[in-house]
Amino acid sequence: MESTEHFNRCPIFRSLPVLGDAWNLLILREVFTGVSRFDGFRKKLGIAPTMLTKRLNLLIGEGLLEKHRYSEHPPRDEYRLTEAGRDTLPLLLLLREWGKKHRGEQTVDRLLDAQTGKEIQPLLIDAVSGVAIGEREIVRDML
């Protein structure tokens, strides 16, 4: 059994409060595809306003989104990705691919490369070996 201290040092465990929440991931998905305003999130996701406010505030507090005022009268804000937020794109794309493969291939949309117009097919590669992650066994070395 692993100690509580070990769990607190585990990057997966520390990421779960933010990235283990379905609404948070769906909000990030929408930001990547151009949604940046509260009403846009409500329309696309069908999420209750109080829940959306709570999730947006969490994503801001965790450093994944920044709030920018685009209108003073009435006061209106939009939400933009930070560097940490942009770094979630590979995770979202790989999660999407996993879902297509293991939870049914029926999807409502395709994600296209804006320059080539071709469908994105994500693949995670180890930067050291150049080998696709999942093609070799891994071991965990405890620090």
C-alpha atoms as a PDB file:
ATOM      1  CA  MET A   1       0.000   0.000   0.000  1.00  0.00           C
ATOM      2  CA  GLU A   2       1.418   3.378  -0.993  1.00  0.00           C
ATOM      3  CA  SER A   3       1.644   6.142   1.589  1.00  0.00           C
ATOM      4  CA  THR A   4      -0.446   9.312   1.514  1.00  0.00           C
ATOM      5  CA  GLU A   5       2.792  11.285   1.074  1.00  0.00           C
ATOM      6  CA  HIS A   6       3.558   9.268  -2.050  1.00  0.00           C
ATOM      7  CA  PHE A   7       0.099  10.019  -3.487  1.00  0.00           C
ATOM      8  CA  ASN A   8       0.621  13.739  -2.857  1.00  0.00           C
ATOM      9  CA  ARG A   9       3.882  13.570  -4.827  1.00  0.00           C
ATOM     10  CA  CYS A  10       2.239  11.691  -7.720  1.00  0.00           C
ATOM     11  CA  PRO A  11       1.566  14.020 -10.697  1.00  0.00           C
ATOM     12  CA  ILE A  12      -1.453  11.970 -11.779  1.00  0.00           C
ATOM     13  CA  PHE A  13      -3.007  12.196  -8.313  1.00  0.00           C
ATOM     14  CA  ARG A  14      -2.353  15.966  -8.134  1.00  0.00           C
ATOM     15  CA  SER A  15      -3.883  16.483 -11.597  1.00  0.00           C
ATOM     16  CA  LEU A  16      -7.148  14.662 -10.929  1.00  0.00           C
ATOM     17  CA  PRO A  17      -8.990  17.479  -9.099  1.00  0.00           C
ATOM     18  CA  VAL A  18      -8.686  19.584 -12.261  1.00  0.00           C
ATOM     19  CA  LEU A  19      -8.346  17.150 -15.148  1.00  0.00           C
ATOM     20  CA  GLY A  20     -10.388  14.316 -13.642  1.00  0.00           C
ATOM     21  CA  ASP A  21     -13.600  16.335 -13.890  1.00  0.00           C
ATOM     22  CA  ALA A  22     -15.687  15.807 -17.042  1.00  0.00           C
ATOM     23  CA  TRP A  23     -17.028  19.383 -17.140  1.00  0.00           C
ATOM     24  CA  ASN A  24     -13.528  20.837 -16.873  1.00  0.00           C
ATOM     25  CA  LEU A  25     -12.335  18.727 -19.800  1.00  0.00           C
ATOM     26  CA  LEU A  26     -15.367  19.647 -21.881  1.00  0.00           C
ATOM     27  CA  ILE A  27     -14.867  23.354 -21.162  1.00  0.00           C
ATOM     28  CA  LEU A  28     -11.233  23.056 -22.263  1.00  0.00           C
ATOM     29  CA  ARG A  29     -12.347  21.195 -25.394  1.00  0.00           C
ATOM     30  CA  GLU A  30     -14.662  24.061 -26.260  1.00  0.00           C
ATOM     31  CA  VAL A  31     -11.964  26.699 -25.717  1.00  0.00           C
ATOM     32  CA  PHE A  32      -9.679  24.827 -28.131  1.00  0.00           C
ATOM     33  CA  THR A  33     -12.395  24.961 -30.781  1.00  0.00           C
ATOM     34  CA  GLY A  34     -13.028  28.680 -30.412  1.00  0.00           C
ATOM     35  CA  VAL A  35     -15.595  29.088 -27.630  1.00  0.00           C
ATOM     36  CA  SER A  36     -14.450  31.756 -25.183  1.00  0.00           C
ATOM     37  CA  ARG A  37     -17.551  33.290 -23.616  1.00  0.00           C
ATOM     38  CA  PHE A  38     -19.875  32.182 -20.841  1.00  0.00           C
ATOM     39  CA  ASP A  39     -22.966  32.061 -23.080  1.00  0.00           C
ATOM     40  CA  GLY A  40     -21.056  30.019 -25.651  1.00  0.00           C
ATOM     41  CA  PHE A  41     -20.138  27.399 -23.058  1.00  0.00           C
ATOM     42  CA  ARG A  42     -23.749  27.279 -21.835  1.00  0.00           C
ATOM     43  CA  LYS A  43     -25.063  26.828 -25.360  1.00  0.00           C
ATOM     44  CA  LYS A  44     -22.527  24.175 -26.399  1.00  0.00           C
ATOM     45  CA  LEU A  45     -22.506  22.180 -23.164  1.00  0.00           C
ATOM     46  CA  GLY A  46     -25.967  22.687 -21.682  1.00  0.00           C
ATOM     47  CA  ILE A  47     -24.340  23.175 -18.280  1.00  0.00           C
ATOM     48  CA  ALA A  48     -26.114  25.005 -15.434  1.00  0.00           C
ATOM     49  CA  PRO A  49     -24.843  28.576 -14.923  1.00  0.00           C
ATOM     50  CA  THR A  50     -23.795  27.969 -11.309  1.00  0.00           C
ATOM     51  CA  MET A  51     -21.862  24.841 -12.261  1.00  0.00           C
ATOM     52  CA  LEU A  52     -20.216  26.615 -15.201  1.00  0.00           C
ATOM     53  CA  THR A  53     -19.180  29.546 -12.994  1.00  0.00           C
ATOM     54  CA  LYS A  54     -17.685  27.147 -10.452  1.00  0.00           C
ATOM     55  CA  ARG A  55     -15.740  25.243 -13.128  1.00  0.00           C
ATOM     56  CA  LEU A  56     -14.473  28.386 -14.870  1.00  0.00           C
ATOM     57  CA  ASN A  57     -13.298  29.803 -11.536  1.00  0.00           C
ATOM     58  CA  LEU A  58     -11.506  26.531 -10.762  1.00  0.00           C
ATOM     59  CA  LEU A  59      -9.791  26.500 -14.182  1.00  0.00           C
ATOM     60  CA  ILE A  60      -8.716  30.112 -13.627  1.00  0.00           C
ATOM     61  CA  GLY A  61      -7.528  29.369 -10.086  1.00  0.00           C
ATOM     62  CA  GLU A  62      -5.545  26.359 -11.290  1.00  0.00           C
ATOM     63  CA  GLY A  63      -3.904  28.443 -14.002  1.00  0.00           C
ATOM     64  CA  LEU A  64      -5.438  26.818 -17.089  1.00  0.00           C
ATOM     65  CA  LEU A  65      -7.605  29.778 -18.132  1.00  0.00           C
ATOM     66  CA  GLU A  66      -7.360  33.548 -17.850  1.00  0.00           C
ATOM     67  CA  LYS A  67     -10.312  35.907 -17.781  1.00  0.00           C
ATOM     68  CA  HIS A  68     -10.192  38.938 -20.112  1.00  0.00           C
ATOM     69  CA  ARG A  69     -12.753  41.744 -20.143  1.00  0.00           C
ATOM     70  CA  TYR A  70     -14.108  42.396 -23.643  1.00  0.00           C
ATOM     71  CA  SER A  71     -16.935  44.783 -22.688  1.00  0.00           C
ATOM     72  CA  GLU A  72     -17.234  47.329 -19.895  1.00  0.00           C
ATOM     73  CA  HIS A  73     -20.928  48.214 -20.390  1.00  0.00           C
ATOM     74  CA  PRO A  74     -22.292  45.727 -19.565  1.00  0.00           C
ATOM     75  CA  PRO A  75     -19.246  44.021 -18.011  1.00  0.00           C
ATOM     76  CA  ARG A  76     -18.478  40.885 -20.014  1.00  0.00           C
ATOM     77  CA  ASP A  77     -15.500  38.554 -19.928  1.00  0.00           C
ATOM     78  CA  GLU A  78     -14.020  35.924 -22.173  1.00  0.00           C
ATOM     79  CA  TYR A  79     -11.770  33.050 -21.237  1.00  0.00           C
ATOM     80  CA  ARG A  80      -8.408  32.302 -22.821  1.00  0.00           C
ATOM     81  CA  LEU A  81      -6.012  29.422 -22.414  1.00  0.00           C
ATOM     82  CA  THR A  82      -2.794  29.891 -20.491  1.00  0.00           C
ATOM     83  CA  GLU A  83       0.336  27.886 -21.277  1.00  0.00           C
ATOM     84  CA  ALA A  84      -0.840  25.220 -18.812  1.00  0.00           C
ATOM     85  CA  GLY A  85      -4.232  25.194 -20.525  1.00  0.00           C
ATOM     86  CA  ARG A  86      -2.683  24.847 -23.983  1.00  0.00           C
ATOM     87  CA  ASP A  87      -0.626  21.936 -22.671  1.00  0.00           C
ATOM     88  CA  THR A  88      -3.850  19.955 -22.136  1.00  0.00           C
ATOM     89  CA  LEU A  89      -4.511  19.656 -25.895  1.00  0.00           C
ATOM     90  CA  PRO A  90      -2.510  16.422 -26.391  1.00  0.00           C
ATOM     91  CA  LEU A  91      -4.269  14.913 -23.369  1.00  0.00           C
ATOM     92  CA  LEU A  92      -7.696  15.831 -24.760  1.00  0.00           C
ATOM     93  CA  LEU A  93      -6.869  14.502 -28.221  1.00  0.00           C
ATOM     94  CA  LEU A  94      -5.543  11.215 -26.851  1.00  0.00           C
ATOM     95  CA  LEU A  95      -8.561  10.871 -24.544  1.00  0.00           C
ATOM     96  CA  ARG A  96     -10.804  11.483 -27.558  1.00  0.00           C
ATOM     97  CA  GLU A  97      -9.014   8.796 -29.580  1.00  0.00           C
ATOM     98  CA  TRP A  98      -9.249   6.349 -26.689  1.00  0.00           C
ATOM     99  CA  GLY A  99     -12.984   7.045 -26.454  1.00  0.00           C
ATOM    100  CA  LYS A 100     -13.468   6.502 -30.196  1.00  0.00           C
ATOM    101  CA  LYS A 101     -11.610   3.171 -30.001  1.00  0.00           C
ATOM    102  CA  HIS A 102     -12.998   1.787 -26.752  1.00  0.00           C
ATOM    103  CA  ARG A 103     -16.362   3.531 -26.308  1.00  0.00           C
ATOM    104  CA  GLY A 104     -17.692   3.327 -29.849  1.00  0.00           C
ATOM    105  CA  GLU A 105     -16.428   4.997 -32.988  1.00  0.00           C
ATOM    106  CA  GLN A 106     -19.581   7.013 -33.555  1.00  0.00           C
ATOM    107  CA  THR A 107     -18.592  10.639 -33.179  1.00  0.00           C
ATOM    108  CA  VAL A 108     -20.461  13.834 -33.857  1.00  0.00           C
ATOM    109  CA  ASP A 109     -17.517  15.680 -35.328  1.00  0.00           C
ATOM    110  CA  ARG A 110     -14.030  15.475 -36.752  1.00  0.00           C
ATOM    111  CA  LEU A 111     -11.025  17.502 -35.668  1.00  0.00           C
ATOM    112  CA  LEU A 112      -9.153  18.901 -38.645  1.00  0.00           C
ATOM    113  CA  ASP A 113      -5.736  20.488 -38.993  1.00  0.00           C
ATOM    114  CA  ALA A 114      -6.523  24.107 -39.878  1.00  0.00           C
ATOM    115  CA  GLN A 115      -3.667  24.283 -42.423  1.00  0.00           C
ATOM    116  CA  THR A 116      -4.015  20.940 -44.211  1.00  0.00           C
ATOM    117  CA  GLY A 117      -7.731  20.314 -43.713  1.00  0.00           C
ATOM    118  CA  LYS A 118      -6.918  16.685 -42.849  1.00  0.00           C
ATOM    119  CA  GLU A 119      -8.297  14.894 -39.815  1.00  0.00           C
ATOM    120  CA  ILE A 120      -5.965  14.900 -36.830  1.00  0.00           C
ATOM    121  CA  GLN A 121      -4.771  11.464 -35.757  1.00  0.00           C
ATOM    122  CA  PRO A 122      -2.892  11.924 -32.474  1.00  0.00           C
ATOM    123  CA  LEU A 123      -0.002   9.709 -31.479  1.00  0.00           C
ATOM    124  CA  LEU A 124       2.117  10.074 -28.346  1.00  0.00           C
ATOM    125  CA  ILE A 125       5.830   9.642 -29.031  1.00  0.00           C
ATOM    126  CA  ASP A 126       8.631   9.279 -26.491  1.00  0.00           C
ATOM    127  CA  ALA A 127      10.988  12.198 -27.156  1.00  0.00           C
ATOM    128  CA  VAL A 128      14.053  10.172 -26.099  1.00  0.00           C
ATOM    129  CA  SER A 129      13.554   6.991 -28.137  1.00  0.00           C
ATOM    130  CA  GLY A 130      11.192   8.230 -30.843  1.00  0.00           C
ATOM    131  CA  VAL A 131       8.978   5.187 -30.191  1.00  0.00           C
ATOM    132  CA  ALA A 132       5.200   5.440 -29.854  1.00  0.00           C
ATOM    133  CA  ILE A 133       4.125   5.294 -26.212  1.00  0.00           C
ATOM    134  CA  GLY A 134       2.360   2.005 -25.565  1.00  0.00           C
ATOM    135  CA  GLU A 135       4.541  -0.036 -27.916  1.00  0.00           C
ATOM    136  CA  ARG A 136       7.080  -0.873 -25.222  1.00  0.00           C
ATOM    137  CA  GLU A 137       6.648  -1.982 -21.643  1.00  0.00           C
ATOM    138  CA  ILE A 138       7.270   0.692 -19.037  1.00  0.00           C
ATOM    139  CA  VAL A 139       8.496   0.432 -15.458  1.00  0.00           C
ATOM    140  CA  ARG A 140       8.158   2.919 -12.636  1.00  0.00           C
ATOM    141  CA  ASP A 141      11.322   3.972 -10.826  1.00  0.00           C
ATOM    142  CA  MET A 142      10.418   5.343  -7.410  1.00  0.00           C
ATOM    143  CA  LEU A 143      12.327   8.462  -6.328  1.00  0.00           C
END
